[in-house]
Amino acid sequence: QVQLVESGGGLVQPGGSLRLSCAASGIIFRFYAMGWYRQAPGKQRELVATITSGGSTNYADSVKGRFTISRDNAKTTVYLQMNSLKPEDTAVYYCNAALQAMDYWGKGTLVTVSS
């Protein structure tokens, strides 16, 4: 079955960095667009960044210049490098894999930005 497993979350001070990973299995990874979304307490889930099968990227305005999404098709893994973290980046971060009508989600990893 399809599995998306996120890792790399944790507690970090403002201004710090984290790298999230999402390991995918059960899909032909290289065909899928991959994305990171987040949901803060009391808020709706929102897009953070996406990367197409061809490597084109898209970012939410709130993270442009601070976050970088990348993928390694050989490792069937997508990454989110997060720099200059702010308290408002605190959220559960979810990995998404999408291809036409197929849409899969991971269970999420918690990122807390606090001093």
C-alpha atoms as a PDB file:
ATOM      1  CA  GLN A   1       0.000   0.000   0.000  1.00  0.00           C
ATOM      2  CA  VAL A   2       1.005   3.635  -0.328  1.00  0.00           C
ATOM      3  CA  GLN A   3       2.991   5.076   2.557  1.00  0.00           C
ATOM      4  CA  LEU A   4       4.332   8.584   3.025  1.00  0.00           C
ATOM      5  CA  VAL A   5       6.433   8.854   6.171  1.00  0.00           C
ATOM      6  CA  GLU A   6       7.570  12.263   7.357  1.00  0.00           C
ATOM      7  CA  SER A   7      10.508  12.833   9.654  1.00  0.00           C
ATOM      8  CA  GLY A   8      12.746  15.640  10.870  1.00  0.00           C
ATOM      9  CA  GLY A   9      10.331  17.712  12.889  1.00  0.00           C
ATOM     10  CA  GLY A  10      11.092  18.980  16.361  1.00  0.00           C
ATOM     11  CA  LEU A  11      11.656  22.009  18.538  1.00  0.00           C
ATOM     12  CA  VAL A  12      13.863  24.779  17.162  1.00  0.00           C
ATOM     13  CA  GLN A  13      14.589  28.344  18.235  1.00  0.00           C
ATOM     14  CA  PRO A  14      13.550  31.304  16.078  1.00  0.00           C
ATOM     15  CA  GLY A  15      16.089  31.835  13.340  1.00  0.00           C
ATOM     16  CA  GLY A  16      17.061  28.180  13.329  1.00  0.00           C
ATOM     17  CA  SER A  17      16.820  25.533  10.633  1.00  0.00           C
ATOM     18  CA  LEU A  18      15.281  22.114  10.146  1.00  0.00           C
ATOM     19  CA  ARG A  19      15.142  19.686   7.255  1.00  0.00           C
ATOM     20  CA  LEU A  20      12.040  17.590   6.833  1.00  0.00           C
ATOM     21  CA  SER A  21      12.058  14.356   4.863  1.00  0.00           C
ATOM     22  CA  CYS A  22       9.208  12.349   3.402  1.00  0.00           C
ATOM     23  CA  ALA A  23       9.954   8.801   2.313  1.00  0.00           C
ATOM     24  CA  ALA A  24       7.436   7.406  -0.154  1.00  0.00           C
ATOM     25  CA  SER A  25       6.646   3.788  -0.964  1.00  0.00           C
ATOM     26  CA  GLY A  26       3.948   2.019  -2.939  1.00  0.00           C
ATOM     27  CA  ILE A  27       3.909   4.618  -5.736  1.00  0.00           C
ATOM     28  CA  ILE A  28       5.936   5.238  -8.885  1.00  0.00           C
ATOM     29  CA  PHE A  29       7.521   8.212  -7.207  1.00  0.00           C
ATOM     30  CA  ARG A  30       9.078   9.903 -10.214  1.00  0.00           C
ATOM     31  CA  PHE A  31       5.658  10.430 -11.819  1.00  0.00           C
ATOM     32  CA  TYR A  32       4.122  12.185  -8.823  1.00  0.00           C
ATOM     33  CA  ALA A  33       4.013  15.833  -7.908  1.00  0.00           C
ATOM     34  CA  MET A  34       5.070  16.106  -4.276  1.00  0.00           C
ATOM     35  CA  GLY A  35       4.182  18.753  -1.775  1.00  0.00           C
ATOM     36  CA  TRP A  36       4.472  19.951   1.776  1.00  0.00           C
ATOM     37  CA  TYR A  37       1.473  21.395   3.585  1.00  0.00           C
ATOM     38  CA  ARG A  38       1.074  22.559   7.157  1.00  0.00           C
ATOM     39  CA  GLN A  39      -1.668  23.039   9.692  1.00  0.00           C
ATOM     40  CA  ALA A  40      -1.253  25.298  12.673  1.00  0.00           C
ATOM     41  CA  PRO A  41      -3.488  24.943  15.753  1.00  0.00           C
ATOM     42  CA  GLY A  42      -6.931  26.332  15.037  1.00  0.00           C
ATOM     43  CA  LYS A  43      -6.162  26.982  11.369  1.00  0.00           C
ATOM     44  CA  GLN A  44      -6.843  25.271   8.080  1.00  0.00           C
ATOM     45  CA  ARG A  45      -4.233  23.217   6.286  1.00  0.00           C
ATOM     46  CA  GLU A  46      -2.250  25.358   3.865  1.00  0.00           C
ATOM     47  CA  LEU A  47       0.186  24.784   1.046  1.00  0.00           C
ATOM     48  CA  VAL A  48       3.851  25.339   1.867  1.00  0.00           C
ATOM     49  CA  ALA A  49       5.665  24.145  -1.259  1.00  0.00           C
ATOM     50  CA  THR A  50       5.262  21.802  -4.195  1.00  0.00           C
ATOM     51  CA  ILE A  51       7.581  20.209  -6.709  1.00  0.00           C
ATOM     52  CA  THR A  52       6.450  18.647  -9.968  1.00  0.00           C
ATOM     53  CA  SER A  53       7.721  15.434 -11.496  1.00  0.00           C
ATOM     54  CA  GLY A  54       9.891  17.616 -13.704  1.00  0.00           C
ATOM     55  CA  GLY A  55      11.348  19.534 -10.786  1.00  0.00           C
ATOM     56  CA  SER A  56       9.424  22.813 -11.040  1.00  0.00           C
ATOM     57  CA  THR A  57       8.774  24.344  -7.654  1.00  0.00           C
ATOM     58  CA  ASN A  58       6.133  26.586  -6.125  1.00  0.00           C
ATOM     59  CA  TYR A  59       6.101  28.239  -2.695  1.00  0.00           C
ATOM     60  CA  ALA A  60       3.686  30.010  -0.444  1.00  0.00           C
ATOM     61  CA  ASP A  61       4.558  33.685  -0.198  1.00  0.00           C
ATOM     62  CA  SER A  62       5.121  33.315   3.541  1.00  0.00           C
ATOM     63  CA  VAL A  63       8.050  30.914   3.029  1.00  0.00           C
ATOM     64  CA  LYS A  64       9.645  32.190  -0.182  1.00  0.00           C
ATOM     65  CA  GLY A  65      13.355  32.767   0.277  1.00  0.00           C
ATOM     66  CA  ARG A  66      13.442  30.743   3.504  1.00  0.00           C
ATOM     67  CA  PHE A  67      12.261  27.246   2.539  1.00  0.00           C
ATOM     68  CA  THR A  68      13.485  24.984  -0.260  1.00  0.00           C
ATOM     69  CA  ILE A  69      11.726  21.881  -1.539  1.00  0.00           C
ATOM     70  CA  SER A  70      13.695  19.189  -3.353  1.00  0.00           C
ATOM     71  CA  ARG A  71      13.299  15.587  -4.379  1.00  0.00           C
ATOM     72  CA  ASP A  72      15.506  12.552  -4.862  1.00  0.00           C
ATOM     73  CA  ASN A  73      13.766  10.143  -7.198  1.00  0.00           C
ATOM     74  CA  ALA A  74      16.356   7.424  -6.581  1.00  0.00           C
ATOM     75  CA  LYS A  75      15.578   7.535  -2.867  1.00  0.00           C
ATOM     76  CA  THR A  76      11.844   8.198  -3.431  1.00  0.00           C
ATOM     77  CA  THR A  77      12.136  11.022  -0.916  1.00  0.00           C
ATOM     78  CA  VAL A  78      11.098  14.648  -0.889  1.00  0.00           C
ATOM     79  CA  TYR A  79      12.730  17.199   1.384  1.00  0.00           C
ATOM     80  CA  LEU A  80      11.876  20.565   2.845  1.00  0.00           C
ATOM     81  CA  GLN A  81      14.819  22.643   4.000  1.00  0.00           C
ATOM     82  CA  MET A  82      13.530  25.305   6.370  1.00  0.00           C
ATOM     83  CA  ASN A  83      15.774  28.216   7.312  1.00  0.00           C
ATOM     84  CA  SER A  84      15.212  31.397   9.301  1.00  0.00           C
ATOM     85  CA  LEU A  85      12.316  29.774  11.090  1.00  0.00           C
ATOM     86  CA  LYS A  86       9.736  31.957  12.787  1.00  0.00           C
ATOM     87  CA  PRO A  87       7.246  31.184  15.560  1.00  0.00           C
ATOM     88  CA  GLU A  88       4.459  31.438  12.990  1.00  0.00           C
ATOM     89  CA  ASP A  89       5.984  28.446  11.173  1.00  0.00           C
ATOM     90  CA  THR A  90       4.876  26.267  14.080  1.00  0.00           C
ATOM     91  CA  ALA A  91       2.555  23.601  12.686  1.00  0.00           C
ATOM     92  CA  VAL A  92       2.163  19.973  11.785  1.00  0.00           C
ATOM     93  CA  TYR A  93       3.791  19.505   8.387  1.00  0.00           C
ATOM     94  CA  TYR A  94       2.267  16.998   6.004  1.00  0.00           C
ATOM     95  CA  CYS A  95       3.687  15.375   2.903  1.00  0.00           C
ATOM     96  CA  ASN A  96       1.463  14.963  -0.158  1.00  0.00           C
ATOM     97  CA  ALA A  97       1.802  12.925  -3.355  1.00  0.00           C
ATOM     98  CA  ALA A  98      -0.509  13.734  -6.245  1.00  0.00           C
ATOM     99  CA  LEU A  99      -1.008  12.339  -9.733  1.00  0.00           C
ATOM    100  CA  GLN A 100      -4.236  12.985 -11.637  1.00  0.00           C
ATOM    101  CA  ALA A 101      -7.028  11.594  -9.425  1.00  0.00           C
ATOM    102  CA  MET A 102      -4.623   9.956  -6.968  1.00  0.00           C
ATOM    103  CA  ASP A 103      -3.849  11.923  -3.836  1.00  0.00           C
ATOM    104  CA  TYR A 104      -2.004  10.592  -0.796  1.00  0.00           C
ATOM    105  CA  TRP A 105      -1.051  12.090   2.567  1.00  0.00           C
ATOM    106  CA  GLY A 106       1.379  11.303   5.308  1.00  0.00           C
ATOM    107  CA  LYS A 107       0.516  11.478   9.000  1.00  0.00           C
ATOM    108  CA  GLY A 108       2.546  14.602   9.614  1.00  0.00           C
ATOM    109  CA  THR A 109       5.485  15.765  11.677  1.00  0.00           C
ATOM    110  CA  LEU A 110       5.317  18.529  14.272  1.00  0.00           C
ATOM    111  CA  VAL A 111       7.543  21.580  13.950  1.00  0.00           C
ATOM    112  CA  THR A 112       7.649  23.923  16.927  1.00  0.00           C
ATOM    113  CA  VAL A 113       9.517  27.214  16.695  1.00  0.00           C
ATOM    114  CA  SER A 114       9.949  28.710  20.130  1.00  0.00           C
ATOM    115  CA  SER A 115      12.559  30.180  22.407  1.00  0.00           C
END
